[in-house]
PDB file of N, CA and C in Angstrom:
ATOM      1  N   MET A   1      41.334 -25.070 -49.152  1.00  0.00           N
ATOM      2  CA  MET A   1      40.434 -24.091 -49.749  1.00  0.00           C
ATOM      3  C   MET A   1      40.053 -24.484 -51.174  1.00  0.00           C
ATOM      4  N   ALA A   2      41.020 -24.994 -51.927  1.00  0.00           N
ATOM      5  CA  ALA A   2      40.747 -25.379 -53.320  1.00  0.00           C
ATOM      6  C   ALA A   2      39.714 -26.505 -53.418  1.00  0.00           C
ATOM      7  N   PRO A   3      39.782 -27.538 -52.554  1.00  0.00           N
ATOM      8  CA  PRO A   3      38.751 -28.593 -52.652  1.00  0.00           C
ATOM      9  C   PRO A   3      37.343 -28.069 -52.385  1.00  0.00           C
ATOM     10  N   LEU A   4      37.229 -27.084 -51.511  1.00  0.00           N
ATOM     11  CA  LEU A   4      35.920 -26.501 -51.222  1.00  0.00           C
ATOM     12  C   LEU A   4      35.363 -25.791 -52.454  1.00  0.00           C
ATOM     13  N   ILE A   5      36.200 -25.043 -53.140  1.00  0.00           N
ATOM     14  CA  ILE A   5      35.767 -24.339 -54.351  1.00  0.00           C
ATOM     15  C   ILE A   5      35.366 -25.337 -55.432  1.00  0.00           C
ATOM     16  N   ILE A   6      36.151 -26.396 -55.586  1.00  0.00           N
ATOM     17  CA  ILE A   6      35.825 -27.433 -56.576  1.00  0.00           C
ATOM     18  C   ILE A   6      34.505 -28.110 -56.217  1.00  0.00           C
ATOM     19  N   PHE A   7      34.290 -28.385 -54.947  1.00  0.00           N
ATOM     20  CA  PHE A   7      33.053 -29.027 -54.491  1.00  0.00           C
ATOM     21  C   PHE A   7      31.837 -28.143 -54.768  1.00  0.00           C
ATOM     22  N   ILE A   8      31.926 -26.867 -54.443  1.00  0.00           N
ATOM     23  CA  ILE A   8      30.813 -25.936 -54.666  1.00  0.00           C
ATOM     24  C   ILE A   8      30.534 -25.785 -56.157  1.00  0.00           C
ATOM     25  N   THR A   9      31.579 -25.678 -56.967  1.00  0.00           N
ATOM     26  CA  THR A   9      31.413 -25.575 -58.417  1.00  0.00           C
ATOM     27  C   THR A   9      30.738 -26.817 -58.976  1.00  0.00           C
ATOM     28  N   THR A  10      31.132 -27.986 -58.497  1.00  0.00           N
ATOM     29  CA  THR A  10      30.523 -29.242 -58.947  1.00  0.00           C
ATOM     30  C   THR A  10      29.044 -29.289 -58.598  1.00  0.00           C
ATOM     31  N   ILE A  11      28.685 -28.856 -57.412  1.00  0.00           N
ATOM     32  CA  ILE A  11      27.277 -28.856 -56.998  1.00  0.00           C
ATOM     33  C   ILE A  11      26.468 -27.894 -57.864  1.00  0.00           C
ATOM     34  N   ILE A  12      26.992 -26.708 -58.115  1.00  0.00           N
ATOM     35  CA  ILE A  12      26.276 -25.725 -58.933  1.00  0.00           C
ATOM     36  C   ILE A  12      26.080 -26.247 -60.353  1.00  0.00           C
ATOM     37  N   LEU A  13      27.122 -26.819 -60.947  1.00  0.00           N
ATOM     38  CA  LEU A  13      27.000 -27.367 -62.298  1.00  0.00           C
ATOM     39  C   LEU A  13      26.015 -28.531 -62.337  1.00  0.00           C
ATOM     40  N   SER A  14      26.011 -29.347 -61.296  1.00  0.00           N
ATOM     41  CA  SER A  14      25.062 -30.466 -61.234  1.00  0.00           C
ATOM     42  C   SER A  14      23.624 -29.963 -61.166  1.00  0.00           C
ATOM     43  N   LEU A  15      23.381 -28.938 -60.379  1.00  0.00           N
ATOM     44  CA  LEU A  15      22.033 -28.376 -60.276  1.00  0.00           C
ATOM     45  C   LEU A  15      21.578 -27.772 -61.600  1.00  0.00           C
ATOM     46  N   ILE A  16      22.477 -27.068 -62.279  1.00  0.00           N
ATOM     47  CA  ILE A  16      22.128 -26.486 -63.577  1.00  0.00           C
ATOM     48  C   ILE A  16      21.799 -27.588 -64.575  1.00  0.00           C
ATOM     49  N   PHE A  17      22.619 -28.633 -64.607  1.00  0.00           N
ATOM     50  CA  PHE A  17      22.378 -29.750 -65.522  1.00  0.00           C
ATOM     51  C   PHE A  17      21.046 -30.428 -65.210  1.00  0.00           C
ATOM     52  N   MET A  18      20.739 -30.588 -63.922  1.00  0.00           N
ATOM     53  CA  MET A  18      19.486 -31.225 -63.525  1.00  0.00           C
ATOM     54  C   MET A  18      18.286 -30.380 -63.953  1.00  0.00           C
ATOM     55  N   MET A  19      18.359 -29.059 -63.781  1.00  0.00           N
ATOM     56  CA  MET A  19      17.244 -28.198 -64.177  1.00  0.00           C
ATOM     57  C   MET A  19      17.017 -28.247 -65.682  1.00  0.00           C
ATOM     58  N   VAL A  20      18.090 -28.238 -66.464  1.00  0.00           N
ATOM     59  CA  VAL A  20      17.961 -28.306 -67.920  1.00  0.00           C
ATOM     60  C   VAL A  20      17.357 -29.644 -68.333  1.00  0.00           C
ATOM     61  N   SER A  21      17.794 -30.720 -67.701  1.00  0.00           N
ATOM     62  CA  SER A  21      17.278 -32.050 -68.034  1.00  0.00           C
ATOM     63  C   SER A  21      15.794 -32.170 -67.714  1.00  0.00           C
ATOM     64  N   VAL A  22      15.384 -31.691 -66.556  1.00  0.00           N
ATOM     65  CA  VAL A  22      13.973 -31.759 -66.162  1.00  0.00           C
ATOM     66  C   VAL A  22      13.128 -30.916 -67.098  1.00  0.00           C
ATOM     67  N   ARG A  23      13.624 -29.755 -67.474  1.00  0.00           N
ATOM     68  CA  ARG A  23      12.873 -28.885 -68.385  1.00  0.00           C
ATOM     69  C   ARG A  23      12.691 -29.548 -69.747  1.00  0.00           C
ATOM     70  N   LYS A  24      13.746 -30.174 -70.263  1.00  0.00           N
ATOM     71  CA  LYS A  24      13.649 -30.858 -71.556  1.00  0.00           C
ATOM     72  C   LYS A  24      12.668 -32.020 -71.474  1.00  0.00           C
ATOM     73  N   PHE A  25      12.718 -32.774 -70.364  1.00  0.00           N
ATOM     74  CA  PHE A  25      11.812 -33.909 -70.200  1.00  0.00           C
ATOM     75  C   PHE A  25      10.361 -33.434 -70.130  1.00  0.00           C
ATOM     76  N   TYR A  26      10.111 -32.354 -69.386  1.00  0.00           N
ATOM     77  CA  TYR A  26       8.752 -31.830 -69.237  1.00  0.00           C
ATOM     78  C   TYR A  26       8.219 -31.327 -70.576  1.00  0.00           C
ATOM     79  N   LYS A  27       9.079 -30.622 -71.322  1.00  0.00           N
ATOM     80  CA  LYS A  27       8.688 -30.118 -72.634  1.00  0.00           C
ATOM     81  C   LYS A  27       8.371 -31.282 -73.578  1.00  0.00           C
ATOM     82  N   LYS A  28       9.169 -32.333 -73.503  1.00  0.00           N
ATOM     83  CA  LYS A  28       8.954 -33.509 -74.348  1.00  0.00           C
ATOM     84  C   LYS A  28       7.626 -34.182 -74.011  1.00  0.00           C
ATOM     85  N   GLU A  29       7.302 -34.264 -72.737  1.00  0.00           N
ATOM     86  CA  GLU A  29       6.029 -34.864 -72.324  1.00  0.00           C
ATOM     87  C   GLU A  29       4.842 -34.017 -72.787  1.00  0.00           C
ATOM     88  N   LEU A  30       4.955 -32.696 -72.687  1.00  0.00           N
ATOM     89  CA  LEU A  30       3.870 -31.833 -73.159  1.00  0.00           C
ATOM     90  C   LEU A  30       3.680 -31.979 -74.662  1.00  0.00           C
ATOM     91  N   LYS A  31       4.779 -32.071 -75.397  1.00  0.00           N
ATOM     92  CA  LYS A  31       4.669 -32.262 -76.848  1.00  0.00           C
ATOM     93  C   LYS A  31       4.038 -33.611 -77.159  1.00  0.00           C
ATOM     94  N   ARG A  32       4.392 -34.631 -76.386  1.00  0.00           N
ATOM     95  CA  ARG A  32       3.846 -35.971 -76.615  1.00  0.00           C
ATOM     96  C   ARG A  32       2.335 -35.981 -76.398  1.00  0.00           C
ATOM     97  N   LYS A  33       1.882 -35.224 -75.420  1.00  0.00           N
ATOM     98  CA  LYS A  33       0.444 -35.161 -75.148  1.00  0.00           C
ATOM     99  C   LYS A  33      -0.267 -34.180 -76.070  1.00  0.00           C
ATOM    100  N   GLY A  34       0.491 -33.401 -76.837  1.00  0.00           N
ATOM    101  CA  GLY A  34      -0.094 -32.482 -77.804  1.00  0.00           C
ATOM    102  C   GLY A  34      -0.583 -31.175 -77.221  1.00  0.00           C
ATOM    103  N   ILE A  35      -0.128 -30.807 -76.028  1.00  0.00           N
ATOM    104  CA  ILE A  35      -0.604 -29.563 -75.416  1.00  0.00           C
ATOM    105  C   ILE A  35       0.505 -28.530 -75.263  1.00  0.00           C
ATOM    106  N   TYR A  36       1.712 -28.849 -75.708  1.00  0.00           N
ATOM    107  CA  TYR A  36       2.825 -27.897 -75.558  1.00  0.00           C
ATOM    108  C   TYR A  36       2.572 -26.626 -76.356  1.00  0.00           C
ATOM    109  N   ASP A  37       2.151 -26.765 -77.604  1.00  0.00           N
ATOM    110  CA  ASP A  37       1.931 -25.593 -78.452  1.00  0.00           C
ATOM    111  C   ASP A  37       0.854 -24.682 -77.879  1.00  0.00           C
ATOM    112  N   ASN A  38      -0.182 -25.269 -77.292  1.00  0.00           N
ATOM    113  CA  ASN A  38      -1.243 -24.458 -76.691  1.00  0.00           C
ATOM    114  C   ASN A  38      -0.700 -23.619 -75.537  1.00  0.00           C
ATOM    115  N   PHE A  39       0.113 -24.224 -74.669  1.00  0.00           N
ATOM    116  CA  PHE A  39       0.707 -23.488 -73.559  1.00  0.00           C
ATOM    117  C   PHE A  39       1.627 -22.388 -74.073  1.00  0.00           C
ATOM    118  N   TYR A  40       2.441 -22.727 -75.049  1.00  0.00           N
ATOM    119  CA  TYR A  40       3.432 -21.765 -75.547  1.00  0.00           C
ATOM    120  C   TYR A  40       2.760 -20.532 -76.132  1.00  0.00           C
ATOM    121  N   PHE A  41       1.786 -20.738 -76.998  1.00  0.00           N
ATOM    122  CA  PHE A  41       1.148 -19.601 -77.647  1.00  0.00           C
ATOM    123  C   PHE A  41       0.200 -18.865 -76.707  1.00  0.00           C
ATOM    124  N   LYS A  42      -0.403 -19.574 -75.774  1.00  0.00           N
ATOM    125  CA  LYS A  42      -1.333 -18.930 -74.851  1.00  0.00           C
ATOM    126  C   LYS A  42      -0.599 -17.961 -73.926  1.00  0.00           C
ATOM    127  N   TYR A  43       0.530 -18.394 -73.393  1.00  0.00           N
ATOM    128  CA  TYR A  43       1.226 -17.578 -72.404  1.00  0.00           C
ATOM    129  C   TYR A  43       2.313 -16.692 -73.003  1.00  0.00           C
ATOM    130  N   GLN A  44       2.603 -16.870 -74.277  1.00  0.00           N
ATOM    131  CA  GLN A  44       3.631 -16.042 -74.894  1.00  0.00           C
ATOM    132  C   GLN A  44       3.126 -14.621 -75.120  1.00  0.00           C
ATOM    133  N   SER A  45       1.851 -14.466 -75.442  1.00  0.00           N
ATOM    134  CA  SER A  45       1.343 -13.157 -75.836  1.00  0.00           C
ATOM    135  C   SER A  45       0.516 -12.476 -74.746  1.00  0.00           C
ATOM    136  N   VAL A  46       0.608 -12.955 -73.523  1.00  0.00           N
ATOM    137  CA  VAL A  46      -0.140 -12.334 -72.428  1.00  0.00           C
ATOM    138  C   VAL A  46       0.577 -11.053 -72.009  1.00  0.00           C
ATOM    139  N   GLU A  47      -0.178  -9.961 -71.943  1.00  0.00           N
ATOM    140  CA  GLU A  47       0.405  -8.689 -71.518  1.00  0.00           C
ATOM    141  C   GLU A  47       0.062  -8.440 -70.056  1.00  0.00           C
ATOM    142  N   CYS A  48       1.020  -7.950 -69.341  1.00  0.00           N
ATOM    143  CA  CYS A  48       0.816  -7.672 -67.925  1.00  0.00           C
ATOM    144  C   CYS A  48       0.086  -6.336 -67.776  1.00  0.00           C
ATOM    145  N   PRO A  49      -1.058  -6.305 -67.070  1.00  0.00           N
ATOM    146  CA  PRO A  49      -1.818  -5.060 -66.923  1.00  0.00           C
ATOM    147  C   PRO A  49      -1.158  -4.065 -65.964  1.00  0.00           C
ATOM    148  N   HIS A  50      -0.153  -4.500 -65.213  1.00  0.00           N
ATOM    149  CA  HIS A  50       0.464  -3.635 -64.209  1.00  0.00           C
ATOM    150  C   HIS A  50       1.512  -2.703 -64.792  1.00  0.00           C
ATOM    151  N   ILE A  51       1.893  -2.918 -66.026  1.00  0.00           N
ATOM    152  CA  ILE A  51       2.959  -2.084 -66.606  1.00  0.00           C
ATOM    153  C   ILE A  51       2.361  -0.821 -67.185  1.00  0.00           C
TER     154      ILE A  51
END
């Protein structure tokens, strides 16, 4: 039972690490192309009309 828990924990931590790495890489590429700030400010202040 213990090896199964260790295996599942390892997979979950690996997935979290992979998502963080991909997000950092994508953000870095957007900054390199000079469009990150436009995306950030454009979508940061959008209000949802459904609320």
